[in-house]
Amino acid sequence: MAWFGRKQQEPVEVEEVEAPSLPEPPANNEAGLRSMHDHIDYLLGLVEPLRPFGMGLLEAWDQVVCEDITSLVDVPHQTTALVDGYAVRASDLIDDDGKRVETMMLAEAEDGRLPFGAVRHVASGDPVPPGATAVLPTVYVALEGDLARIFDTVKDGEYVRVAGEHLHAGEQLLKEGDVLDDRSVGLLASAGIDKVFVRPRPRVVIVGSGEGLVAPGAHASADSNFDANSFLIAAAARAAGAQVFHTVVGSNDHDELRQAVTDQLIRADLVISTTGGRREDYEAMAEVMSSIGLVDSAKVAMTPGRTQTFGLIGDDNIPMIMLPGNPVSAYVSFQAFGWPLIRKLAGADPRRSLLRGIAAHGMRSTEGQTHLLRARVSRESGINRVTPVSDPHALTELAQTNVLVLLDEHTAAANAGTSVQYWQLDELN
């Protein structure tokens, strides 16, 4: 018989930990497609603006200001002479009878308050001495020893630049959300400001991949192709305001791709994948994405760029988007989804301005889908004329394009002479 009875253990309830997942995506339409605008909103909801920090003026150029900035000083900080002449109290130029005085004393060129009934020489830009209210130009005065003969009068404030005339201490210079351009840099410098609180430029890593892809300038064998897509998107990301890093992997090997992507995460706020034109290239990277993060794959109701893949990858959930392999589809998809993500990370407005122009030729679309047509806009007699661009070589077509025309899901065609909306890519010539 057992000396000690074994106490029966109570059953331990194991709490089930729910596997991490992305938020519920937007619903598809009757055709099983997600609208382009819903997809944009979904992606934007998965990223947050980068944390701001203080930065020197020149380094902060073209970045989003994260504070209201006011002048620390009056500009100019003291009243100065606008012309060479003589500092004077304007009231001293008129005698008790209301007539112009003929002579005044010439005060010594020294610091201190201007004596009553005297003038003191000042050069253009010199501080006006305390007590002076105006400057007499030299042509109004003739010196006779210690006397100054007066030929004309001035009023209070004439020929002087008053302290704070340009900026008053406490006056707002920029507001939160403004972008620091070159003129703003000069404005802040004039107010004595050398650092600003801004969001950093988003670091975007472009990973070009595909079997046989090589970077331009590298040796290309008969089975190789130059990787144009990643260079195209890298330049577009830089134009969107990103700090761009770039690498090319000429392989579809999963281990190589995984290593190439994870190696970049330490310096990435956003990763963008471009591939060659083959389905195998796209599928290989999509499988790697799924192995290192949470992935959303969607069929989007847009042409071109129907297939879209997004993920939050790595331990820090770095956002990553995969662009289609066709150059036009890749570029259009970047403008639709990559551009607003970069803007959101930078703390800028991610909404694109929709401009209007007149269609020079008819344009066809497919109802139920947003069609993004490559076009060129020219300014003629004050009217923006929109001409579709078409070329058998996709990159030649893009090189001729300066706008993307948006025909929405309710539009089957836009006739010549009708108004169309577009996203502007370049400044118009």
Protein backbone atom coordinates (compact mmCIF):
# COMPACT_ATOMS: atom_id res chain seq x y z
CA MET A 1 0.00 0.00 0.00
CA ALA A 2 1.26 3.49 -0.83
CA TRP A 3 2.51 5.54 2.08
CA PHE A 4 1.65 8.80 0.39
CA GLY A 5 -1.24 9.38 -1.89
CA ARG A 6 -0.55 11.46 -5.01
CA LYS A 7 -2.70 14.61 -5.09
CA GLN A 8 -4.67 14.82 -8.26
CA GLN A 9 -3.67 17.90 -10.27
CA GLU A 10 -6.37 20.29 -11.34
CA PRO A 11 -6.51 20.63 -15.15
CA VAL A 12 -4.69 23.77 -16.30
CA GLU A 13 -6.50 25.88 -18.79
CA VAL A 14 -4.17 27.01 -21.54
CA GLU A 15 -5.12 30.40 -22.85
CA GLU A 16 -5.17 30.42 -26.59
CA VAL A 17 -3.12 33.24 -28.02
CA GLU A 18 -4.61 34.63 -31.15
CA ALA A 19 -2.18 34.73 -34.05
CA PRO A 20 -1.35 38.27 -35.10
CA SER A 21 -3.11 39.48 -38.20
CA LEU A 22 -3.76 42.61 -40.17
CA PRO A 23 -6.99 44.56 -39.56
CA GLU A 24 -10.02 43.48 -41.52
CA PRO A 25 -9.64 44.75 -45.10
CA PRO A 26 -12.39 46.71 -46.84
CA ALA A 27 -15.17 44.75 -48.50
CA ASN A 28 -14.97 43.83 -52.16
CA ASN A 29 -17.54 44.84 -54.74
CA GLU A 30 -19.88 42.44 -56.52
CA ALA A 31 -17.08 41.50 -58.92
CA GLY A 32 -14.86 40.49 -56.01
CA LEU A 33 -12.59 43.53 -56.41
CA ARG A 34 -11.51 46.14 -53.87
CA SER A 35 -11.91 49.74 -54.92
CA MET A 36 -8.70 51.69 -55.46
CA HIS A 37 -9.69 54.40 -53.00
CA ASP A 38 -10.62 51.83 -50.34
CA HIS A 39 -7.23 50.18 -50.80
CA ILE A 40 -5.42 53.52 -50.45
CA ASP A 41 -7.33 54.26 -47.22
CA TYR A 42 -6.63 50.76 -45.90
CA LEU A 43 -2.87 51.07 -46.44
CA LEU A 44 -2.75 54.57 -44.97
CA GLY A 45 -4.51 53.24 -41.86
CA LEU A 46 -1.67 50.75 -41.32
CA VAL A 47 1.19 53.29 -41.10
CA GLU A 48 1.88 56.21 -38.79
CA PRO A 49 3.93 59.36 -39.42
CA LEU A 50 7.56 59.13 -38.34
CA ARG A 51 8.49 60.62 -34.99
CA PRO A 52 9.81 64.19 -35.28
CA PHE A 53 13.05 65.59 -33.89
CA GLY A 54 15.07 68.80 -33.95
CA MET A 55 17.15 69.38 -37.06
CA GLY A 56 19.31 72.15 -38.50
CA LEU A 57 17.67 74.42 -41.06
CA LEU A 58 19.51 73.14 -44.12
CA GLU A 59 19.09 69.48 -43.17
CA ALA A 60 15.38 70.08 -42.56
CA TRP A 61 14.73 71.51 -46.04
CA ASP A 62 11.67 70.03 -47.77
CA GLN A 63 10.46 68.32 -44.60
CA VAL A 64 7.25 68.80 -42.66
CA VAL A 65 7.34 71.19 -39.71
CA CYS A 66 5.85 69.74 -36.50
CA GLU A 67 5.38 72.92 -34.50
CA ASP A 68 4.11 76.45 -34.85
CA ILE A 69 7.19 78.67 -35.22
CA THR A 70 7.22 82.30 -34.12
CA SER A 71 9.93 84.92 -34.46
CA LEU A 72 12.23 85.16 -31.46
CA VAL A 73 13.24 88.74 -32.23
CA ASP A 74 12.12 91.90 -33.97
CA VAL A 75 13.44 92.10 -37.55
CA PRO A 76 15.22 94.40 -37.86
CA HIS A 77 16.00 94.24 -34.15
CA GLN A 78 16.62 98.00 -34.02
CA THR A 79 15.59 101.06 -36.02
CA THR A 80 18.10 101.78 -38.81
CA ALA A 81 18.69 104.45 -41.45
CA LEU A 82 17.45 103.77 -44.96
CA VAL A 83 19.78 106.38 -46.52
CA ASP A 84 22.97 108.24 -45.75
CA GLY A 85 22.05 111.39 -43.84
CA TYR A 86 21.41 112.81 -40.41
CA ALA A 87 19.32 111.36 -37.62
CA VAL A 88 16.89 113.94 -36.29
CA ARG A 89 13.73 114.47 -34.28
CA ALA A 90 11.24 115.49 -36.93
CA SER A 91 9.58 117.89 -34.46
CA ASP A 92 12.91 119.80 -34.04
CA LEU A 93 12.78 120.84 -37.71
CA ILE A 94 9.81 123.16 -37.09
CA ASP A 95 10.04 126.22 -34.85
CA ASP A 96 7.33 127.61 -32.58
CA ASP A 97 5.90 129.61 -35.49
CA GLY A 98 5.47 126.50 -37.63
CA LYS A 99 8.36 127.39 -39.94
CA ARG A 100 11.36 125.25 -40.91
CA VAL A 101 14.42 125.93 -38.77
CA GLU A 102 17.46 127.18 -40.65
CA THR A 103 20.24 125.57 -38.64
CA MET A 104 20.73 122.84 -36.04
CA MET A 105 23.67 121.67 -33.96
CA LEU A 106 25.78 118.78 -35.29
CA ALA A 107 26.04 116.25 -32.45
CA GLU A 108 29.14 114.14 -31.89
CA ALA A 109 29.16 110.71 -33.53
CA GLU A 110 28.86 108.81 -30.26
CA ASP A 111 26.47 106.45 -28.57
CA GLY A 112 23.73 107.88 -26.46
CA ARG A 113 20.50 109.76 -26.83
CA LEU A 114 20.28 112.41 -29.54
CA PRO A 115 20.28 115.87 -27.93
CA PHE A 116 17.26 118.09 -28.56
CA GLY A 117 17.74 120.52 -31.44
CA ALA A 118 20.64 118.51 -32.92
CA VAL A 119 21.35 116.10 -35.78
CA ARG A 120 23.83 113.23 -35.90
CA HIS A 121 25.41 111.68 -39.02
CA VAL A 122 24.32 108.13 -39.90
CA ALA A 123 25.16 105.91 -42.84
CA SER A 124 22.61 103.71 -44.58
CA GLY A 125 21.95 100.69 -42.35
CA ASP A 126 23.34 102.34 -39.19
CA PRO A 127 21.22 102.18 -36.03
CA VAL A 128 19.30 105.42 -35.45
CA PRO A 129 20.25 106.87 -32.03
CA PRO A 130 17.61 106.90 -29.26
CA GLY A 131 15.42 109.96 -29.48
CA ALA A 132 15.67 110.29 -33.29
CA THR A 133 12.45 109.77 -35.22
CA ALA A 134 13.60 110.24 -38.83
CA VAL A 135 16.63 110.68 -41.07
CA LEU A 136 17.37 113.77 -43.17
CA PRO A 137 19.00 112.70 -46.45
CA THR A 138 22.39 114.35 -47.04
CA VAL A 139 20.95 116.45 -49.87
CA TYR A 140 18.76 118.23 -47.30
CA VAL A 141 21.74 119.36 -45.21
CA ALA A 142 24.90 121.45 -45.63
CA LEU A 143 27.52 121.46 -42.86
CA GLU A 144 29.02 124.73 -41.67
CA GLY A 145 31.46 123.77 -38.93
CA ASP A 146 29.44 122.53 -35.95
CA LEU A 147 26.20 123.66 -37.54
CA ALA A 148 23.97 121.90 -40.03
CA ARG A 149 22.05 124.14 -42.44
CA ILE A 150 18.60 122.60 -43.12
CA PHE A 151 17.03 122.85 -46.59
CA ASP A 152 13.96 120.65 -46.13
CA THR A 153 11.99 118.77 -43.51
CA VAL A 154 10.94 115.17 -42.96
CA LYS A 155 8.15 113.57 -40.96
CA ASP A 156 8.37 111.02 -38.18
CA GLY A 157 9.35 107.63 -39.63
CA GLU A 158 10.72 108.94 -42.95
CA TYR A 159 13.92 107.35 -44.27
CA VAL A 160 14.14 104.87 -41.41
CA ARG A 161 13.46 101.15 -41.12
CA VAL A 162 11.67 100.77 -37.80
CA ALA A 163 12.56 97.92 -35.43
CA GLY A 164 10.12 95.06 -36.02
CA GLU A 165 9.00 96.55 -39.35
CA HIS A 166 9.54 93.20 -41.09
CA LEU A 167 8.85 90.83 -38.20
CA HIS A 168 7.71 91.35 -34.63
CA ALA A 169 8.91 89.08 -31.84
CA GLY A 170 6.17 86.49 -31.35
CA GLU A 171 4.84 86.81 -34.92
CA GLN A 172 3.97 83.44 -36.49
CA LEU A 173 6.35 82.43 -39.28
CA LEU A 174 5.28 78.84 -40.03
CA LYS A 175 2.56 76.58 -38.73
CA GLU A 176 2.54 72.89 -37.97
CA GLY A 177 2.18 70.89 -41.19
CA ASP A 178 3.95 73.43 -43.42
CA VAL A 179 6.77 72.14 -45.63
CA LEU A 180 10.09 73.90 -45.08
CA ASP A 181 11.08 75.23 -48.52
CA ASP A 182 14.07 77.38 -49.47
CA ARG A 183 12.23 80.67 -48.87
CA SER A 184 11.08 79.49 -45.45
CA VAL A 185 14.67 78.61 -44.55
CA GLY A 186 15.68 82.20 -45.30
CA LEU A 187 12.74 83.55 -43.31
CA LEU A 188 13.60 81.52 -40.22
CA ALA A 189 17.28 82.40 -40.47
CA SER A 190 16.38 86.11 -40.57
CA ALA A 191 14.56 85.62 -37.26
CA GLY A 192 17.59 83.99 -35.64
CA ILE A 193 16.21 80.45 -35.76
CA ASP A 194 18.75 77.73 -36.58
CA LYS A 195 16.85 74.52 -35.70
CA VAL A 196 13.31 73.30 -36.27
CA PHE A 197 11.21 70.36 -35.11
CA VAL A 198 10.47 68.27 -38.22
CA ARG A 199 9.68 64.72 -39.26
CA PRO A 200 12.65 63.05 -40.94
CA ARG A 201 12.69 62.20 -44.59
CA PRO A 202 11.26 58.64 -44.91
CA ARG A 203 13.91 56.02 -45.65
CA VAL A 204 12.63 53.90 -48.51
CA VAL A 205 14.44 50.75 -49.64
CA ILE A 206 13.78 49.58 -53.20
CA VAL A 207 14.49 45.88 -53.72
CA GLY A 208 14.61 44.81 -57.36
CA SER A 209 14.47 41.04 -57.83
CA GLY A 210 14.04 38.42 -60.52
CA GLU A 211 15.90 35.58 -62.13
CA GLY A 212 18.66 36.96 -64.37
CA LEU A 213 18.13 40.63 -63.46
CA VAL A 214 21.29 42.75 -63.38
CA ALA A 215 21.84 46.40 -62.57
CA PRO A 216 22.58 48.76 -65.49
CA GLY A 217 26.30 48.90 -66.11
CA ALA A 218 26.89 45.31 -64.97
CA HIS A 219 27.85 42.53 -67.34
CA ALA A 220 24.74 41.02 -68.92
CA SER A 221 24.74 37.52 -70.36
CA ALA A 222 22.36 36.26 -73.03
CA ASP A 223 19.92 35.20 -70.30
CA SER A 224 20.12 38.46 -68.35
CA ASN A 225 17.98 41.59 -68.40
CA PHE A 226 18.78 45.05 -67.09
CA ASP A 227 16.63 45.95 -64.10
CA ALA A 228 14.80 49.13 -65.13
CA ASN A 229 11.81 48.82 -62.79
CA SER A 230 13.69 49.28 -59.53
CA PHE A 231 15.54 52.31 -60.90
CA LEU A 232 12.27 53.80 -62.16
CA ILE A 233 10.60 53.40 -58.75
CA ALA A 234 13.69 54.51 -56.82
CA ALA A 235 13.69 57.78 -58.76
CA ALA A 236 9.93 58.17 -58.24
CA ALA A 237 10.34 57.61 -54.48
CA ARG A 238 13.07 60.25 -54.35
CA ALA A 239 10.79 62.66 -56.24
CA ALA A 240 8.13 61.96 -53.59
CA GLY A 241 10.54 63.19 -50.90
CA ALA A 242 12.10 59.94 -49.66
CA GLN A 243 15.68 59.14 -48.79
CA VAL A 244 16.21 56.16 -51.09
CA PHE A 245 18.33 53.02 -50.74
CA HIS A 246 18.45 50.52 -53.56
CA THR A 247 19.53 46.92 -54.11
CA VAL A 248 19.13 44.37 -56.91
CA VAL A 249 18.89 40.59 -56.38
CA GLY A 250 19.22 38.64 -59.62
CA SER A 251 17.57 35.53 -58.26
CA ASN A 252 14.28 33.99 -57.15
CA ASP A 253 15.91 31.83 -54.48
CA HIS A 254 13.80 32.26 -51.34
CA ASP A 255 16.74 32.29 -48.94
CA GLU A 256 18.56 34.92 -50.98
CA LEU A 257 15.45 37.09 -51.23
CA ARG A 258 14.66 36.74 -47.54
CA GLN A 259 18.22 37.68 -46.60
CA ALA A 260 18.22 40.64 -49.00
CA VAL A 261 15.00 42.04 -47.55
CA THR A 262 15.72 41.43 -43.85
CA ASP A 263 19.20 42.94 -44.21
CA GLN A 264 17.55 46.19 -45.29
CA LEU A 265 15.04 46.51 -42.46
CA ILE A 266 17.48 48.23 -40.11
CA ARG A 267 17.47 51.29 -42.39
CA ALA A 268 13.93 51.13 -43.77
CA ASP A 269 10.75 53.01 -42.94
CA LEU A 270 9.18 51.49 -46.06
CA VAL A 271 10.27 48.68 -48.38
CA ILE A 272 9.12 48.58 -52.00
CA SER A 273 9.59 45.44 -54.06
CA THR A 274 9.87 45.54 -57.85
CA THR A 275 10.34 42.43 -59.94
CA GLY A 276 10.96 41.35 -63.49
CA GLY A 277 8.05 40.75 -65.82
CA ARG A 278 7.63 37.05 -65.10
CA ARG A 279 4.98 35.64 -62.78
CA GLU A 280 7.62 33.49 -61.06
CA ASP A 281 9.51 36.60 -59.98
CA TYR A 282 6.43 38.09 -58.34
CA GLU A 283 5.33 34.86 -56.68
CA ALA A 284 8.77 34.20 -55.21
CA MET A 285 8.87 37.58 -53.45
CA ALA A 286 5.24 37.26 -52.35
CA GLU A 287 6.03 33.92 -50.68
CA VAL A 288 9.06 35.44 -48.94
CA MET A 289 6.91 38.34 -47.69
CA SER A 290 4.40 35.90 -46.22
CA SER A 291 7.20 34.09 -44.38
CA ILE A 292 8.48 37.21 -42.61
CA GLY A 293 5.35 39.24 -41.97
CA LEU A 294 1.62 39.81 -42.16
CA VAL A 295 0.44 40.12 -45.75
CA ASP A 296 -2.65 41.47 -47.50
CA SER A 297 -3.12 40.43 -51.13
CA ALA A 298 -5.90 42.05 -53.08
CA LYS A 299 -7.39 42.31 -56.52
CA VAL A 300 -8.03 46.02 -56.94
CA ALA A 301 -10.60 47.47 -59.32
CA MET A 302 -8.03 49.47 -61.29
CA THR A 303 -6.26 49.31 -64.62
CA PRO A 304 -3.31 48.88 -64.77
CA GLY A 305 -2.15 47.43 -61.45
CA ARG A 306 -4.92 45.01 -60.54
CA THR A 307 -2.79 42.72 -58.32
CA GLN A 308 -1.57 44.43 -55.14
CA THR A 309 0.35 42.96 -52.20
CA PHE A 310 1.11 44.75 -48.93
CA GLY A 311 2.69 43.55 -45.71
CA LEU A 312 4.04 44.53 -42.31
CA ILE A 313 7.30 42.62 -42.07
CA GLY A 314 10.01 41.89 -39.55
CA ASP A 315 9.98 42.40 -35.80
CA ASP A 316 9.22 46.12 -36.18
CA ASN A 317 6.34 45.67 -38.66
CA ILE A 318 7.99 47.69 -41.41
CA PRO A 319 5.46 48.38 -44.19
CA MET A 320 6.28 46.76 -47.52
CA ILE A 321 4.48 46.98 -50.84
CA MET A 322 5.00 44.78 -53.87
CA LEU A 323 4.53 46.40 -57.25
CA PRO A 324 3.49 44.50 -60.40
CA GLY A 325 6.23 43.41 -62.80
CA ASN A 326 5.07 45.39 -65.82
CA PRO A 327 6.81 48.82 -65.79
CA VAL A 328 3.61 50.81 -66.45
CA SER A 329 1.68 48.83 -63.84
CA ALA A 330 4.53 49.24 -61.36
CA TYR A 331 4.76 52.99 -61.90
CA VAL A 332 1.01 53.59 -61.77
CA SER A 333 0.74 51.43 -58.63
CA PHE A 334 3.53 53.42 -56.99
CA GLN A 335 1.74 56.69 -57.72
CA ALA A 336 -1.54 55.28 -56.38
CA PHE A 337 -0.19 53.58 -53.22
CA GLY A 338 3.53 54.22 -52.69
CA TRP A 339 3.34 58.00 -53.04
CA PRO A 340 0.65 58.48 -50.35
CA LEU A 341 2.46 56.10 -47.98
CA ILE A 342 5.66 58.14 -48.26
CA ARG A 343 3.68 61.32 -47.68
CA LYS A 344 1.96 59.82 -44.61
CA LEU A 345 5.30 58.72 -43.14
CA ALA A 346 6.67 62.24 -43.69
CA GLY A 347 3.67 63.75 -41.91
CA ALA A 348 2.50 65.47 -45.10
CA ASP A 349 -0.97 65.40 -46.64
CA PRO A 350 -1.26 62.04 -48.48
CA ARG A 351 -4.20 63.18 -50.60
CA ARG A 352 -3.31 63.98 -54.19
CA SER A 353 -4.71 67.04 -55.88
CA LEU A 354 -7.10 66.25 -58.71
CA LEU A 355 -6.64 68.78 -61.52
CA ARG A 356 -8.87 69.28 -64.54
CA GLY A 357 -8.18 69.58 -68.23
CA ILE A 358 -9.90 69.16 -71.59
CA ALA A 359 -9.47 65.85 -73.42
CA ALA A 360 -7.81 66.46 -76.80
CA HIS A 361 -8.84 62.96 -77.95
CA GLY A 362 -11.39 60.41 -76.84
CA MET A 363 -10.45 58.02 -74.01
CA ARG A 364 -11.99 54.62 -73.30
CA SER A 365 -12.32 52.85 -69.96
CA THR A 366 -14.11 49.90 -68.36
CA GLU A 367 -17.04 50.53 -66.06
CA GLY A 368 -16.53 49.11 -62.58
CA GLN A 369 -12.80 49.94 -62.58
CA THR A 370 -10.70 53.05 -62.11
CA HIS A 371 -8.62 53.52 -65.22
CA LEU A 372 -5.34 55.44 -64.91
CA LEU A 373 -4.33 56.56 -68.39
CA ARG A 374 -0.90 57.88 -69.29
CA ALA A 375 -1.22 61.31 -70.84
CA ARG A 376 0.54 64.55 -71.53
CA VAL A 377 -0.90 67.95 -70.61
CA SER A 378 0.05 71.11 -72.45
CA ARG A 379 -1.09 74.65 -71.74
CA GLU A 380 -2.76 76.27 -74.74
CA SER A 381 -4.48 79.65 -74.54
CA GLY A 382 -4.99 79.24 -70.83
CA ILE A 383 -6.51 75.74 -71.20
CA ASN A 384 -4.91 72.48 -70.04
CA ARG A 385 -5.23 70.10 -72.99
CA VAL A 386 -4.88 66.40 -72.16
CA THR A 387 -3.53 64.07 -74.84
CA PRO A 388 -3.27 60.30 -74.19
CA VAL A 389 0.19 58.77 -74.62
CA SER A 390 0.66 55.34 -76.16
CA ASP A 391 3.85 53.58 -77.20
CA PRO A 392 4.73 49.89 -77.68
CA HIS A 393 7.73 50.37 -75.38
CA ALA A 394 6.35 50.85 -71.87
CA LEU A 395 9.28 52.94 -70.61
CA THR A 396 9.15 55.20 -73.67
CA GLU A 397 5.45 55.72 -72.96
CA LEU A 398 6.20 56.67 -69.35
CA ALA A 399 9.00 59.00 -70.42
CA GLN A 400 6.47 60.96 -72.52
CA THR A 401 3.91 61.08 -69.67
CA ASN A 402 3.50 64.00 -67.29
CA VAL A 403 0.03 63.22 -65.87
CA LEU A 404 -2.15 60.23 -65.02
CA VAL A 405 -5.78 60.67 -66.08
CA LEU A 406 -8.32 59.10 -63.72
CA LEU A 407 -11.48 57.72 -65.29
CA ASP A 408 -13.56 56.43 -62.38
CA GLU A 409 -15.55 53.19 -62.14
CA HIS A 410 -18.69 54.89 -63.47
CA THR A 411 -17.03 56.13 -66.68
CA ALA A 412 -16.90 54.05 -69.87
CA ALA A 413 -15.50 56.80 -72.09
CA ALA A 414 -14.48 60.43 -72.14
CA ASN A 415 -15.10 62.14 -75.46
CA ALA A 416 -12.81 64.72 -77.01
CA GLY A 417 -13.62 68.17 -75.67
CA THR A 418 -14.94 66.94 -72.32
CA SER A 419 -13.39 67.62 -68.93
CA VAL A 420 -11.17 64.95 -67.35
CA GLN A 421 -9.38 64.77 -64.00
CA TYR A 422 -5.71 63.93 -63.57
CA TRP A 423 -2.80 63.63 -61.16
CA GLN A 424 0.08 65.86 -62.18
CA LEU A 425 3.48 64.13 -62.15
CA ASP A 426 5.72 66.95 -63.44
CA GLU A 427 5.54 70.70 -63.73
CA LEU A 428 3.92 71.68 -67.02
CA ASN A 429 6.20 73.15 -69.66
